[in-house]
Protein backbone atom coordinates (compact mmCIF):
# COMPACT_ATOMS: atom_id res chain seq x y z
CA MET A 1 0.00 0.00 0.00
CA ASP A 2 1.26 3.48 -0.88
CA ASN A 3 2.44 5.55 2.09
CA SER A 4 -0.04 8.32 1.28
CA VAL A 5 -2.99 5.92 1.28
CA MET A 6 -1.72 4.23 4.44
CA MET A 7 -1.38 7.60 6.15
CA ALA A 8 -4.85 8.71 5.05
CA VAL A 9 -6.42 5.50 6.39
CA ALA A 10 -4.45 5.68 9.65
CA MET A 11 -5.30 9.32 10.34
CA ALA A 12 -8.96 8.86 9.43
CA LEU A 13 -9.17 5.81 11.68
CA VAL A 14 -7.47 7.61 14.57
CA TYR A 15 -9.80 10.59 14.28
CA TRP A 16 -12.90 8.40 13.94
CA LEU A 17 -11.97 6.35 17.01
CA SER A 18 -11.19 9.42 19.10
CA ARG A 19 -14.15 11.62 18.18
CA GLY A 20 -16.68 8.87 17.48
CA MET A 21 -16.53 7.93 21.18
CA ILE A 22 -15.98 4.30 20.21
CA GLY A 23 -13.05 4.07 22.60
CA GLY A 24 -14.65 6.22 25.29
CA TYR A 25 -12.77 8.98 27.06
CA PHE A 26 -9.47 7.13 26.70
CA ALA A 27 -9.75 7.50 22.94
CA LEU A 28 -10.98 11.09 23.23
CA PHE A 29 -8.09 12.36 25.34
CA PHE A 30 -5.26 9.98 24.37
CA ILE A 31 -5.75 8.71 20.82
CA GLY A 32 -7.06 12.10 19.69
CA ASN A 33 -4.15 13.97 21.28
CA PRO A 34 -1.95 15.81 18.73
CA ILE A 35 1.21 14.37 20.29
CA PHE A 36 -0.02 10.79 19.85
CA ILE A 37 -1.12 11.60 16.30
CA GLY A 38 2.31 13.11 15.67
CA ILE A 39 3.98 9.87 16.79
CA ILE A 40 1.80 7.74 14.49
CA SER A 41 2.40 10.08 11.54
CA GLY A 42 6.12 10.16 12.22
CA LEU A 43 6.34 6.37 12.36
CA ILE A 44 4.60 5.99 9.00
CA TYR A 45 6.75 8.62 7.27
CA GLY A 46 9.94 7.77 9.18
CA ASP A 47 10.28 11.16 10.89
CA VAL A 48 9.04 10.81 14.46
CA LYS A 49 10.98 13.87 15.63
CA SER A 50 9.20 16.25 13.25
CA GLY A 51 5.85 14.58 13.95
CA LEU A 52 6.33 15.13 17.68
CA MET A 53 7.41 18.74 17.19
CA ILE A 54 4.38 19.60 15.06
CA GLY A 55 2.03 17.64 17.33
CA GLY A 56 3.42 19.35 20.41
CA GLY A 57 3.02 22.76 18.79
CA ILE A 58 -0.60 22.07 17.84
CA ALA A 59 -1.30 20.77 21.36
CA ALA A 60 0.11 23.99 22.81
CA VAL A 61 -2.11 26.15 20.59
CA PHE A 62 -5.26 24.32 21.67
CA ALA A 63 -4.18 23.86 25.31
CA GLY A 64 -6.47 26.55 26.73
CA ILE A 65 -9.55 25.63 24.69
CA ILE A 66 -12.62 24.72 26.74
CA ALA A 67 -15.96 23.26 25.61
CA PRO A 68 -18.81 25.32 27.09
CA GLY A 69 -21.95 23.22 27.12
CA GLY A 70 -19.99 20.31 25.68
CA ASN A 71 -19.49 22.07 22.32
CA LEU A 72 -15.92 22.52 21.14
CA PRO A 73 -15.23 25.87 19.42
CA THR A 74 -12.35 24.19 17.59
CA ASP A 75 -11.01 20.65 17.39
CA GLN A 76 -7.33 19.83 17.92
CA GLY A 77 -7.88 16.25 16.77
CA MET A 78 -8.95 17.32 13.29
CA ALA A 79 -6.15 19.89 13.13
CA ALA A 80 -3.53 17.29 14.02
CA ALA A 81 -4.90 14.36 12.01
CA THR A 82 -4.99 16.39 8.80
CA MET A 83 -2.12 18.85 9.10
CA ILE A 84 0.67 16.73 10.58
CA PRO A 85 0.81 14.19 7.70
CA ILE A 86 0.47 16.95 5.11
CA ALA A 87 3.30 18.90 6.73
CA LEU A 88 5.57 15.86 6.94
CA ASN A 89 5.00 15.02 3.28
CA THR A 90 5.36 18.55 1.91
CA GLY A 91 8.24 19.76 4.08
CA LEU A 92 6.40 22.54 5.88
CA SER A 93 8.14 23.99 8.90
CA VAL A 94 6.65 23.45 12.35
CA GLU A 95 5.45 27.05 12.53
CA GLN A 96 3.82 26.94 9.09
CA ALA A 97 2.08 23.66 9.91
CA ILE A 98 0.68 25.14 13.12
CA ALA A 99 -0.67 28.18 11.25
CA PHE A 100 -2.44 25.98 8.67
CA ALA A 101 -3.78 23.68 11.39
CA VAL A 102 -5.96 26.34 13.03
CA PRO A 103 -8.64 26.61 10.27
CA LEU A 104 -8.74 22.82 9.98
CA GLY A 105 -9.55 22.69 13.68
CA LEU A 106 -12.57 24.91 13.02
CA LEU A 107 -13.71 22.49 10.31
CA GLY A 108 -13.56 19.63 12.81
CA ALA A 109 -15.70 21.51 15.31
CA GLN A 110 -18.41 22.06 12.69
CA LEU A 111 -18.42 18.38 11.74
CA LEU A 112 -18.80 17.39 15.39
CA ASN A 113 -21.71 19.79 15.82
CA LEU A 114 -23.35 18.45 12.66
CA ARG A 115 -23.04 14.91 13.99
CA LYS A 116 -24.83 15.91 17.19
CA ILE A 117 -27.67 17.50 15.21
CA ILE A 118 -28.09 14.37 13.08
CA ASN A 119 -28.03 12.09 16.13
CA VAL A 120 -30.81 13.94 17.99
CA PRO A 121 -33.68 12.18 16.13
CA LEU A 122 -31.99 8.85 16.86
CA VAL A 123 -32.41 9.47 20.59
CA HIS A 124 -36.17 9.82 20.18
CA LYS A 125 -36.19 6.76 17.94
CA ALA A 126 -34.43 4.79 20.68
CA ASP A 127 -37.11 5.94 23.15
CA GLU A 128 -39.81 4.61 20.83
CA TYR A 129 -38.06 1.25 20.60
CA ALA A 130 -37.69 1.20 24.39
CA GLU A 131 -41.44 1.65 24.83
CA LYS A 132 -41.96 -1.36 22.55
CA VAL A 133 -39.22 -3.33 24.38
CA ASP A 134 -37.46 -3.77 21.04
CA THR A 135 -33.86 -4.40 22.09
CA LYS A 136 -32.62 -4.79 18.52
CA GLY A 137 -34.20 -1.48 17.59
CA ILE A 138 -32.58 0.20 20.60
CA ALA A 139 -29.19 -1.18 19.56
CA ARG A 140 -29.65 0.15 16.03
CA ALA A 141 -30.76 3.62 17.13
CA ALA A 142 -28.34 3.99 20.04
CA ILE A 143 -25.24 2.27 18.66
CA TRP A 144 -25.11 1.26 15.01
CA TYR A 145 -26.72 4.30 13.38
CA PRO A 146 -24.57 6.79 15.36
CA VAL A 147 -21.45 4.77 14.51
CA ALA A 148 -22.36 4.88 10.82
CA THR A 149 -23.03 8.62 11.06
CA SER A 150 -19.67 9.16 12.74
CA PHE A 151 -17.94 7.19 10.00
CA LEU A 152 -19.43 9.35 7.25
CA LEU A 153 -18.79 12.65 9.04
CA LEU A 154 -15.44 11.93 10.69
CA PHE A 155 -13.58 9.17 8.83
CA LEU A 156 -14.26 10.20 5.23
CA PRO A 157 -13.40 13.93 5.51
CA VAL A 158 -10.04 13.23 7.15
CA PHE A 159 -9.26 10.49 4.62
CA ILE A 160 -10.02 12.83 1.71
CA VAL A 161 -8.12 15.81 3.15
CA VAL A 162 -4.99 13.79 3.95
CA LEU A 163 -4.99 11.87 0.66
CA PHE A 164 -5.55 14.82 -1.66
CA GLY A 165 -4.47 17.71 0.55
CA GLN A 166 -0.79 16.94 0.07
CA ASP A 167 -0.93 17.70 -3.66
CA VAL A 168 -3.01 20.80 -2.99
CA MET A 169 -0.46 22.01 -0.45
CA LEU A 170 2.46 21.41 -2.84
CA ASN A 171 0.68 23.40 -5.56
CA LEU A 172 -0.07 26.13 -3.03
CA LEU A 173 3.56 26.38 -1.99
CA GLU A 174 4.56 26.92 -5.62
CA VAL A 175 2.28 29.94 -6.14
CA VAL A 176 2.20 31.61 -2.71
CA PRO A 177 4.85 34.35 -2.34
CA GLU A 178 7.67 33.68 0.09
CA TRP A 179 6.77 36.68 2.26
CA ILE A 180 3.30 35.25 2.90
CA MET A 181 4.77 31.91 3.94
CA HIS A 182 7.18 33.76 6.21
CA GLY A 183 4.25 35.62 7.74
CA LEU A 184 2.47 32.33 8.39
CA GLU A 185 5.65 30.99 9.95
CA VAL A 186 5.82 33.96 12.32
CA ALA A 187 2.13 33.58 13.18
CA GLY A 188 2.60 29.87 13.80
CA GLY A 189 5.44 30.64 16.18
CA VAL A 190 3.22 32.97 18.20
CA LEU A 191 0.14 30.73 18.38
CA PRO A 192 1.51 28.31 21.03
CA ALA A 193 2.07 31.32 23.30
CA VAL A 194 -1.60 32.20 22.83
CA GLY A 195 -2.55 28.72 24.00
CA PHE A 196 -0.44 29.05 27.14
CA ALA A 197 -1.87 32.53 27.74
CA LEU A 198 -5.38 31.07 27.70
CA ILE A 199 -4.35 28.51 30.31
CA ILE A 200 -2.80 31.15 32.54
CA ASN A 201 -5.91 33.30 32.16
CA SER A 202 -8.16 30.40 33.17
CA ILE A 203 -6.11 29.51 36.26
CA GLY A 204 -4.93 33.03 37.04
CA LYS A 205 -6.81 33.31 40.32
CA PRO A 206 -4.90 35.15 43.07
CA ARG A 207 -4.70 32.06 45.27
CA LEU A 208 -3.07 30.08 42.43
CA ILE A 209 -0.39 32.63 41.54
CA PRO A 210 2.14 31.24 44.09
CA TYR A 211 1.97 27.86 42.34
CA ILE A 212 2.68 29.52 38.99
CA ILE A 213 5.67 31.30 40.51
CA ILE A 214 6.99 28.03 41.96
CA GLY A 215 6.71 26.35 38.55
CA PHE A 216 8.46 29.26 36.84
CA VAL A 217 11.32 29.22 39.36
CA CYS A 218 11.74 25.44 39.05
CA VAL A 219 11.99 25.52 35.25
CA SER A 220 13.59 28.88 34.43
CA VAL A 221 15.78 29.57 37.47
CA LEU A 222 16.71 26.13 38.77
CA GLY A 223 16.72 24.49 35.33
CA MET A 224 14.66 21.45 36.34
CA ASN A 225 13.32 19.25 33.56
CA SER A 226 9.61 18.67 33.02
CA LEU A 227 9.61 15.26 34.75
CA VAL A 228 11.05 16.58 38.03
CA THR A 229 8.82 19.64 37.90
CA GLY A 230 5.79 17.42 37.28
CA ILE A 231 6.64 15.23 40.29
CA ILE A 232 6.94 18.33 42.49
CA ALA A 233 3.61 19.64 41.16
CA ILE A 234 1.86 16.34 41.87
CA SER A 235 3.30 16.29 45.39
CA ILE A 236 2.11 19.84 46.09
CA ALA A 237 -1.34 19.01 44.72
CA PHE A 238 -1.51 15.88 46.90
CA ILE A 239 -0.51 17.82 50.03
CA THR A 240 -3.06 20.55 49.23
CA VAL A 241 -5.89 18.04 48.81
CA LEU A 242 -5.00 16.29 52.08
CA ASN A 243 -4.85 19.58 53.97
CA ARG A 244 -8.22 20.67 52.61
CA LYS A 245 -9.73 17.32 53.53
CA GLN A 246 -8.41 17.57 57.09
CA LEU A 247 -9.63 21.16 57.38
CA SER A 248 -13.06 20.13 56.12
CA GLU A 249 -13.24 17.34 58.69
CA LEU A 250 -12.24 19.71 61.49
CA MET A 251 -14.80 22.30 60.43
CA GLY A 252 -17.45 19.63 60.16
CA GLY A 253 -16.57 18.31 63.59
């Protein structure tokens, strides 16, 4: 099988499994993570380092995104599953790939919302089957029809974009002026900082600022690596939870 076809199938399958909820929350948060997708893409194309770098950059951009009411404003899974393989095949820089990934993330969010709209009537259909005690009908309405819908809306678009998007991107690179590509590269370099800024804004409560300072000192001043810093953070979180629990018990007593 050609590498391009293999990549298109792999990325479409990964995205379908992660966003189709077939694998539950493990698939949603692990398989659909840009870093994991970057590893898979890198293994297929033989460039794991670049796959990880692009995946990590995309993950940073979308790090502060929340889903109010369960509706994602943009989808990092779609951005990663489509842009990482295209970037690896066309030679885009990490920053350029990140810049192109953002609009693809918006496309993914719209497909997810469309799937929810289509699945609403199936819920009522399942209720009707439940009233008739039709277990096979319930299985069709609650499982098989939604899975088929997810396949059409999630698997096929990613497959098509990855398979044919590489040629489109190569043609685009030939006609787009160099200064525009440089501008996209600069924008792509800034976008991860925006993601981190969103995180800081969401956790920037006065009582949490000391923890941010501790993390900054550990990494920037003391030069600790992420593993050691993570262990310290987990320890502090564990101590904080225990202290709050003891305080709650004392107040309750």
